[in-house]
Amino acid sequence: MRLNTTYPPIIVGFIDSILPLIVYKAFRYVNLLHDIQR
């Protein structure tokens, strides 16, 4: 991947660990909205 050449490995690992959290929280948030609309 080109990320390793443009960013230090620490930042790449940080992004790799943060992105799943954001996706997970967004997924739960959307599920909550759907539950409210029912």
PDB file of N, CA and C in Angstrom:
ATOM      1  N   MET A   1       0.839  -1.200   0.000  1.00  0.00           N
ATOM      2  CA  MET A   1       0.000   0.000   0.000  1.00  0.00           C
ATOM      3  C   MET A   1       0.870   1.244   0.000  1.00  0.00           C
ATOM      4  N   ARG A   2       0.344   2.323  -0.564  1.00  0.00           N
ATOM      5  CA  ARG A   2       1.115   3.563  -0.620  1.00  0.00           C
ATOM      6  C   ARG A   2       1.112   4.300   0.715  1.00  0.00           C
ATOM      7  N   LEU A   3       0.208   3.908   1.620  1.00  0.00           N
ATOM      8  CA  LEU A   3       0.160   4.583   2.917  1.00  0.00           C
ATOM      9  C   LEU A   3       1.494   4.457   3.647  1.00  0.00           C
ATOM     10  N   ASN A   4       2.142   3.298   3.498  1.00  0.00           N
ATOM     11  CA  ASN A   4       3.392   3.067   4.219  1.00  0.00           C
ATOM     12  C   ASN A   4       4.504   3.983   3.729  1.00  0.00           C
ATOM     13  N   THR A   5       4.407   4.472   2.485  1.00  0.00           N
ATOM     14  CA  THR A   5       5.471   5.319   1.958  1.00  0.00           C
ATOM     15  C   THR A   5       5.213   6.782   2.270  1.00  0.00           C
ATOM     16  N   THR A   6       3.938   7.159   2.471  1.00  0.00           N
ATOM     17  CA  THR A   6       3.628   8.564   2.699  1.00  0.00           C
ATOM     18  C   THR A   6       3.480   8.876   4.183  1.00  0.00           C
ATOM     19  N   TYR A   7       3.113   7.881   4.987  1.00  0.00           N
ATOM     20  CA  TYR A   7       2.928   8.109   6.415  1.00  0.00           C
ATOM     21  C   TYR A   7       3.809   7.163   7.213  1.00  0.00           C
ATOM     22  N   PRO A   8       4.243   7.609   8.398  1.00  0.00           N
ATOM     23  CA  PRO A   8       5.000   6.714   9.282  1.00  0.00           C
ATOM     24  C   PRO A   8       4.129   5.540   9.710  1.00  0.00           C
ATOM     25  N   PRO A   9       4.734   4.389   9.976  1.00  0.00           N
ATOM     26  CA  PRO A   9       3.969   3.190  10.367  1.00  0.00           C
ATOM     27  C   PRO A   9       3.097   3.424  11.594  1.00  0.00           C
ATOM     28  N   ILE A  10       3.526   4.303  12.492  1.00  0.00           N
ATOM     29  CA  ILE A  10       2.741   4.546  13.710  1.00  0.00           C
ATOM     30  C   ILE A  10       1.384   5.135  13.344  1.00  0.00           C
ATOM     31  N   ILE A  11       1.392   6.109  12.418  1.00  0.00           N
ATOM     32  CA  ILE A  11       0.138   6.752  12.018  1.00  0.00           C
ATOM     33  C   ILE A  11      -0.746   5.755  11.277  1.00  0.00           C
ATOM     34  N   VAL A  12      -0.133   4.917  10.444  1.00  0.00           N
ATOM     35  CA  VAL A  12      -0.908   3.906   9.712  1.00  0.00           C
ATOM     36  C   VAL A  12      -1.572   2.947  10.696  1.00  0.00           C
ATOM     37  N   GLY A  13      -0.837   2.509  11.702  1.00  0.00           N
ATOM     38  CA  GLY A  13      -1.411   1.622  12.712  1.00  0.00           C
ATOM     39  C   GLY A  13      -2.500   2.321  13.506  1.00  0.00           C
ATOM     40  N   PHE A  14      -2.295   3.617  13.771  1.00  0.00           N
ATOM     41  CA  PHE A  14      -3.303   4.394  14.493  1.00  0.00           C
ATOM     42  C   PHE A  14      -4.596   4.452  13.684  1.00  0.00           C
ATOM     43  N   ILE A  15      -4.470   4.740  12.388  1.00  0.00           N
ATOM     44  CA  ILE A  15      -5.656   4.812  11.520  1.00  0.00           C
ATOM     45  C   ILE A  15      -6.324   3.444  11.437  1.00  0.00           C
ATOM     46  N   ASP A  16      -5.523   2.400  11.309  1.00  0.00           N
ATOM     47  CA  ASP A  16      -6.083   1.046  11.197  1.00  0.00           C
ATOM     48  C   ASP A  16      -6.842   0.657  12.468  1.00  0.00           C
ATOM     49  N   SER A  17      -6.445   1.203  13.614  1.00  0.00           N
ATOM     50  CA  SER A  17      -7.126   0.848  14.858  1.00  0.00           C
ATOM     51  C   SER A  17      -8.331   1.752  15.108  1.00  0.00           C
ATOM     52  N   ILE A  18      -8.290   2.978  14.569  1.00  0.00           N
ATOM     53  CA  ILE A  18      -9.382   3.926  14.813  1.00  0.00           C
ATOM     54  C   ILE A  18     -10.535   3.724  13.836  1.00  0.00           C
ATOM     55  N   LEU A  19     -10.213   3.434  12.566  1.00  0.00           N
ATOM     56  CA  LEU A  19     -11.269   3.316  11.551  1.00  0.00           C
ATOM     57  C   LEU A  19     -12.340   2.293  11.914  1.00  0.00           C
ATOM     58  N   PRO A  20     -11.982   1.075  12.355  1.00  0.00           N
ATOM     59  CA  PRO A  20     -13.029   0.113  12.728  1.00  0.00           C
ATOM     60  C   PRO A  20     -13.927   0.633  13.850  1.00  0.00           C
ATOM     61  N   LEU A  21     -13.361   1.395  14.784  1.00  0.00           N
ATOM     62  CA  LEU A  21     -14.173   1.956  15.863  1.00  0.00           C
ATOM     63  C   LEU A  21     -15.200   2.935  15.312  1.00  0.00           C
ATOM     64  N   ILE A  22     -14.758   3.800  14.382  1.00  0.00           N
ATOM     65  CA  ILE A  22     -15.673   4.781  13.798  1.00  0.00           C
ATOM     66  C   ILE A  22     -16.781   4.074  13.026  1.00  0.00           C
ATOM     67  N   VAL A  23     -16.395   3.065  12.238  1.00  0.00           N
ATOM     68  CA  VAL A  23     -17.397   2.325  11.456  1.00  0.00           C
ATOM     69  C   VAL A  23     -18.380   1.631  12.395  1.00  0.00           C
ATOM     70  N   TYR A  24     -17.860   1.044  13.469  1.00  0.00           N
ATOM     71  CA  TYR A  24     -18.723   0.334  14.425  1.00  0.00           C
ATOM     72  C   TYR A  24     -19.710   1.293  15.099  1.00  0.00           C
ATOM     73  N   LYS A  25     -19.202   2.460  15.531  1.00  0.00           N
ATOM     74  CA  LYS A  25     -20.082   3.426  16.193  1.00  0.00           C
ATOM     75  C   LYS A  25     -21.108   3.985  15.212  1.00  0.00           C
ATOM     76  N   ALA A  26     -20.689   4.247  13.985  1.00  0.00           N
ATOM     77  CA  ALA A  26     -21.630   4.751  12.984  1.00  0.00           C
ATOM     78  C   ALA A  26     -22.704   3.705  12.698  1.00  0.00           C
ATOM     79  N   PHE A  27     -22.297   2.435  12.634  1.00  0.00           N
ATOM     80  CA  PHE A  27     -23.246   1.352  12.375  1.00  0.00           C
ATOM     81  C   PHE A  27     -24.279   1.263  13.499  1.00  0.00           C
ATOM     82  N   ARG A  28     -23.816   1.349  14.739  1.00  0.00           N
ATOM     83  CA  ARG A  28     -24.738   1.298  15.881  1.00  0.00           C
ATOM     84  C   ARG A  28     -25.648   2.518  15.886  1.00  0.00           C
ATOM     85  N   TYR A  29     -25.108   3.683  15.520  1.00  0.00           N
ATOM     86  CA  TYR A  29     -25.907   4.908  15.496  1.00  0.00           C
ATOM     87  C   TYR A  29     -27.031   4.791  14.475  1.00  0.00           C
ATOM     88  N   VAL A  30     -26.713   4.248  13.286  1.00  0.00           N
ATOM     89  CA  VAL A  30     -27.733   4.055  12.249  1.00  0.00           C
ATOM     90  C   VAL A  30     -28.792   3.071  12.734  1.00  0.00           C
ATOM     91  N   ASN A  31     -28.366   2.015  13.419  1.00  0.00           N
ATOM     92  CA  ASN A  31     -29.327   1.042  13.946  1.00  0.00           C
ATOM     93  C   ASN A  31     -30.257   1.695  14.969  1.00  0.00           C
ATOM     94  N   LEU A  32     -29.711   2.587  15.797  1.00  0.00           N
ATOM     95  CA  LEU A  32     -30.543   3.290  16.769  1.00  0.00           C
ATOM     96  C   LEU A  32     -31.581   4.150  16.063  1.00  0.00           C
ATOM     97  N   LEU A  33     -31.164   4.853  15.007  1.00  0.00           N
ATOM     98  CA  LEU A  33     -32.100   5.695  14.266  1.00  0.00           C
ATOM     99  C   LEU A  33     -33.215   4.852  13.666  1.00  0.00           C
ATOM    100  N   HIS A  34     -32.869   3.695  13.128  1.00  0.00           N
ATOM    101  CA  HIS A  34     -33.885   2.818  12.544  1.00  0.00           C
ATOM    102  C   HIS A  34     -34.845   2.319  13.626  1.00  0.00           C
ATOM    103  N   ASP A  35     -34.315   2.029  14.808  1.00  0.00           N
ATOM    104  CA  ASP A  35     -35.181   1.560  15.894  1.00  0.00           C
ATOM    105  C   ASP A  35     -36.148   2.660  16.324  1.00  0.00           C
ATOM    106  N   ILE A  36     -35.684   3.910  16.309  1.00  0.00           N
ATOM    107  CA  ILE A  36     -36.548   5.023  16.721  1.00  0.00           C
ATOM    108  C   ILE A  36     -37.659   5.242  15.692  1.00  0.00           C
ATOM    109  N   GLN A  37     -37.334   5.082  14.424  1.00  0.00           N
ATOM    110  CA  GLN A  37     -38.319   5.348  13.370  1.00  0.00           C
ATOM    111  C   GLN A  37     -39.427   4.300  13.337  1.00  0.00           C
ATOM    112  N   ARG A  38     -39.182   3.122  13.865  1.00  0.00           N
ATOM    113  CA  ARG A  38     -40.209   2.077  13.796  1.00  0.00           C
ATOM    114  C   ARG A  38     -41.440   2.425  14.627  1.00  0.00           C
TER     115      ARG A  38
END
